[in-house]
Amino acid sequence: MTAHTAWRNPGHPVQLLLGLPIWSLWFVALYGGLSIACAVAPPAPGQGALTALNLWLGLFTLATLGALLWLARCCLSAVRREPVRAARFIAAVAAGLHLFAAGGVAFVGLPLVALPPCL
């Protein structure tokens, strides 16, 4: 197995290192992009939460959430089909980490629905 395909194998130890860095990169990109957009071209305060900026940030959040949930699903399915006990353990722990990161994305991304972007 090469390093290029290792991230696709749910029982590979690299799976333990994927979920939380994906969340972290999403978090930095989300709030970095929000800060830059609010400094350069803030939406009108009267628009509320229904702005193009919130739409784009929401789509980015949904894409990240979908990727993390897909990784968790792949790892959970590997728990049932992996013949090697260590690979099943890694897949189970990785699935939990991916779900934890997905919960963080959902929790932090939730204010995009209710709050104006630039207060």
C-alpha atoms as a PDB file:
ATOM      1  CA  MET A   1       0.000   0.000   0.000  1.00  0.00           C
ATOM      2  CA  THR A   2       1.452   3.353  -0.980  1.00  0.00           C
ATOM      3  CA  ALA A   3       1.172   6.570   0.984  1.00  0.00           C
ATOM      4  CA  HIS A   4      -1.119   7.899  -1.742  1.00  0.00           C
ATOM      5  CA  THR A   5      -3.796   5.264  -1.086  1.00  0.00           C
ATOM      6  CA  ALA A   6      -3.303   4.922   2.680  1.00  0.00           C
ATOM      7  CA  TRP A   7      -5.863   7.636   3.497  1.00  0.00           C
ATOM      8  CA  ARG A   8      -8.521   5.660   1.610  1.00  0.00           C
ATOM      9  CA  ASN A   9      -8.029   2.537   3.728  1.00  0.00           C
ATOM     10  CA  PRO A  10     -10.299   2.771   6.805  1.00  0.00           C
ATOM     11  CA  GLY A  11      -8.068   0.434   8.807  1.00  0.00           C
ATOM     12  CA  HIS A  12      -4.882   2.417   8.212  1.00  0.00           C
ATOM     13  CA  PRO A  13      -3.501   4.443  11.168  1.00  0.00           C
ATOM     14  CA  VAL A  14      -3.539   7.639   9.098  1.00  0.00           C
ATOM     15  CA  GLN A  15      -7.317   7.621   9.595  1.00  0.00           C
ATOM     16  CA  LEU A  16      -6.710   8.557  13.219  1.00  0.00           C
ATOM     17  CA  LEU A  17      -5.082  11.789  12.042  1.00  0.00           C
ATOM     18  CA  LEU A  18      -7.688  12.967   9.509  1.00  0.00           C
ATOM     19  CA  GLY A  19     -10.873  14.059  11.292  1.00  0.00           C
ATOM     20  CA  LEU A  20      -9.655  16.717  13.690  1.00  0.00           C
ATOM     21  CA  PRO A  21      -7.223  18.392  11.235  1.00  0.00           C
ATOM     22  CA  ILE A  22     -10.062  18.570   8.690  1.00  0.00           C
ATOM     23  CA  TRP A  23     -12.196  20.284  11.343  1.00  0.00           C
ATOM     24  CA  SER A  24      -9.332  22.612  12.227  1.00  0.00           C
ATOM     25  CA  LEU A  25      -8.696  23.615   8.600  1.00  0.00           C
ATOM     26  CA  TRP A  26     -12.426  24.185   8.097  1.00  0.00           C
ATOM     27  CA  PHE A  27     -12.584  26.336  11.238  1.00  0.00           C
ATOM     28  CA  VAL A  28      -9.622  28.523  10.215  1.00  0.00           C
ATOM     29  CA  ALA A  29     -10.901  28.872   6.635  1.00  0.00           C
ATOM     30  CA  LEU A  30     -14.444  29.658   7.806  1.00  0.00           C
ATOM     31  CA  TYR A  31     -13.569  32.390  10.277  1.00  0.00           C
ATOM     32  CA  GLY A  32     -10.614  33.670   8.250  1.00  0.00           C
ATOM     33  CA  GLY A  33     -12.852  33.995   5.192  1.00  0.00           C
ATOM     34  CA  LEU A  34     -15.597  35.579   7.267  1.00  0.00           C
ATOM     35  CA  SER A  35     -13.186  38.144   8.713  1.00  0.00           C
ATOM     36  CA  ILE A  36     -11.761  39.040   5.314  1.00  0.00           C
ATOM     37  CA  ALA A  37     -15.213  39.297   3.721  1.00  0.00           C
ATOM     38  CA  CYS A  38     -16.479  41.500   6.549  1.00  0.00           C
ATOM     39  CA  ALA A  39     -13.436  43.770   6.256  1.00  0.00           C
ATOM     40  CA  VAL A  40     -13.560  44.076   2.457  1.00  0.00           C
ATOM     41  CA  ALA A  41     -17.272  44.060   1.582  1.00  0.00           C
ATOM     42  CA  PRO A  42     -19.626  43.633   4.537  1.00  0.00           C
ATOM     43  CA  PRO A  43     -23.276  42.938   3.738  1.00  0.00           C
ATOM     44  CA  ALA A  44     -25.910  45.471   4.739  1.00  0.00           C
ATOM     45  CA  PRO A  45     -26.812  45.139   8.440  1.00  0.00           C
ATOM     46  CA  GLY A  46     -30.533  45.021   7.666  1.00  0.00           C
ATOM     47  CA  GLN A  47     -30.242  41.800   5.659  1.00  0.00           C
ATOM     48  CA  GLY A  48     -30.000  39.628   8.734  1.00  0.00           C
ATOM     49  CA  ALA A  49     -28.731  36.095   8.226  1.00  0.00           C
ATOM     50  CA  LEU A  50     -29.958  35.787   4.634  1.00  0.00           C
ATOM     51  CA  THR A  51     -26.811  36.959   2.864  1.00  0.00           C
ATOM     52  CA  ALA A  52     -24.679  35.580   0.062  1.00  0.00           C
ATOM     53  CA  LEU A  53     -21.780  35.356   2.506  1.00  0.00           C
ATOM     54  CA  ASN A  54     -23.770  33.115   4.838  1.00  0.00           C
ATOM     55  CA  LEU A  55     -24.868  31.026   1.855  1.00  0.00           C
ATOM     56  CA  TRP A  56     -21.266  30.379   0.763  1.00  0.00           C
ATOM     57  CA  LEU A  57     -20.101  29.690   4.307  1.00  0.00           C
ATOM     58  CA  GLY A  58     -23.068  27.376   4.795  1.00  0.00           C
ATOM     59  CA  LEU A  59     -22.274  25.454   1.620  1.00  0.00           C
ATOM     60  CA  PHE A  60     -18.640  25.136   2.713  1.00  0.00           C
ATOM     61  CA  THR A  61     -19.837  23.884   6.091  1.00  0.00           C
ATOM     62  CA  LEU A  62     -22.191  21.337   4.518  1.00  0.00           C
ATOM     63  CA  ALA A  63     -19.414  20.062   2.232  1.00  0.00           C
ATOM     64  CA  THR A  64     -17.054  19.633   5.174  1.00  0.00           C
ATOM     65  CA  LEU A  65     -19.769  17.974   7.252  1.00  0.00           C
ATOM     66  CA  GLY A  66     -20.562  15.617   4.381  1.00  0.00           C
ATOM     67  CA  ALA A  67     -16.900  14.672   3.944  1.00  0.00           C
ATOM     68  CA  LEU A  68     -16.487  13.913   7.649  1.00  0.00           C
ATOM     69  CA  LEU A  69     -19.688  11.873   7.785  1.00  0.00           C
ATOM     70  CA  TRP A  70     -18.619   9.959   4.679  1.00  0.00           C
ATOM     71  CA  LEU A  71     -15.251   9.158   6.286  1.00  0.00           C
ATOM     72  CA  ALA A  72     -17.038   8.007   9.451  1.00  0.00           C
ATOM     73  CA  ARG A  73     -19.373   5.795   7.413  1.00  0.00           C
ATOM     74  CA  CYS A  74     -16.450   4.218   5.552  1.00  0.00           C
ATOM     75  CA  CYS A  75     -14.678   3.498   8.830  1.00  0.00           C
ATOM     76  CA  LEU A  76     -17.807   2.046  10.436  1.00  0.00           C
ATOM     77  CA  SER A  77     -18.373  -0.272   7.498  1.00  0.00           C
ATOM     78  CA  ALA A  78     -14.730  -1.379   7.738  1.00  0.00           C
ATOM     79  CA  VAL A  79     -15.274  -2.376  11.367  1.00  0.00           C
ATOM     80  CA  ARG A  80     -17.670  -5.104  10.156  1.00  0.00           C
ATOM     81  CA  ARG A  81     -15.622  -6.367   7.222  1.00  0.00           C
ATOM     82  CA  GLU A  82     -11.957  -6.050   8.329  1.00  0.00           C
ATOM     83  CA  PRO A  83     -10.433  -9.455   9.056  1.00  0.00           C
ATOM     84  CA  VAL A  84      -7.548  -8.052  11.129  1.00  0.00           C
ATOM     85  CA  ARG A  85      -8.436  -7.136  14.710  1.00  0.00           C
ATOM     86  CA  ALA A  86      -6.015  -4.168  14.904  1.00  0.00           C
ATOM     87  CA  ALA A  87      -7.465  -2.704  11.691  1.00  0.00           C
ATOM     88  CA  ARG A  88     -10.995  -3.034  13.129  1.00  0.00           C
ATOM     89  CA  PHE A  89      -9.901  -1.185  16.261  1.00  0.00           C
ATOM     90  CA  ILE A  90      -8.280   1.606  14.233  1.00  0.00           C
ATOM     91  CA  ALA A  91     -11.370   1.897  12.035  1.00  0.00           C
ATOM     92  CA  ALA A  92     -13.666   2.087  15.077  1.00  0.00           C
ATOM     93  CA  VAL A  93     -11.590   4.764  16.810  1.00  0.00           C
ATOM     94  CA  ALA A  94     -11.224   6.699  13.548  1.00  0.00           C
ATOM     95  CA  ALA A  95     -14.998   6.580  13.008  1.00  0.00           C
ATOM     96  CA  GLY A  96     -15.499   8.045  16.477  1.00  0.00           C
ATOM     97  CA  LEU A  97     -12.975  10.811  15.772  1.00  0.00           C
ATOM     98  CA  HIS A  98     -14.620  11.614  12.443  1.00  0.00           C
ATOM     99  CA  LEU A  99     -18.040  11.773  14.120  1.00  0.00           C
ATOM    100  CA  PHE A 100     -16.637  13.988  16.883  1.00  0.00           C
ATOM    101  CA  ALA A 101     -15.172  16.355  14.267  1.00  0.00           C
ATOM    102  CA  ALA A 102     -18.472  16.324  12.342  1.00  0.00           C
ATOM    103  CA  GLY A 103     -20.283  17.278  15.550  1.00  0.00           C
ATOM    104  CA  GLY A 104     -17.865  20.187  15.977  1.00  0.00           C
ATOM    105  CA  VAL A 105     -18.521  21.349  12.417  1.00  0.00           C
ATOM    106  CA  ALA A 106     -22.284  21.145  12.939  1.00  0.00           C
ATOM    107  CA  PHE A 107     -22.152  22.950  16.296  1.00  0.00           C
ATOM    108  CA  VAL A 108     -19.878  25.769  15.141  1.00  0.00           C
ATOM    109  CA  GLY A 109     -21.622  26.072  11.759  1.00  0.00           C
ATOM    110  CA  LEU A 110     -25.103  26.322  13.291  1.00  0.00           C
ATOM    111  CA  PRO A 111     -24.922  30.099  13.954  1.00  0.00           C
ATOM    112  CA  LEU A 112     -24.635  30.644  10.184  1.00  0.00           C
ATOM    113  CA  VAL A 113     -28.346  29.898   9.971  1.00  0.00           C
ATOM    114  CA  ALA A 114     -29.469  32.361  12.640  1.00  0.00           C
ATOM    115  CA  LEU A 115     -26.968  35.224  12.918  1.00  0.00           C
ATOM    116  CA  PRO A 116     -25.963  38.039  10.552  1.00  0.00           C
ATOM    117  CA  PRO A 117     -22.377  37.495   9.389  1.00  0.00           C
ATOM    118  CA  CYS A 118     -20.758  40.834  10.296  1.00  0.00           C
ATOM    119  CA  LEU A 119     -21.835  42.158  13.691  1.00  0.00           C
END
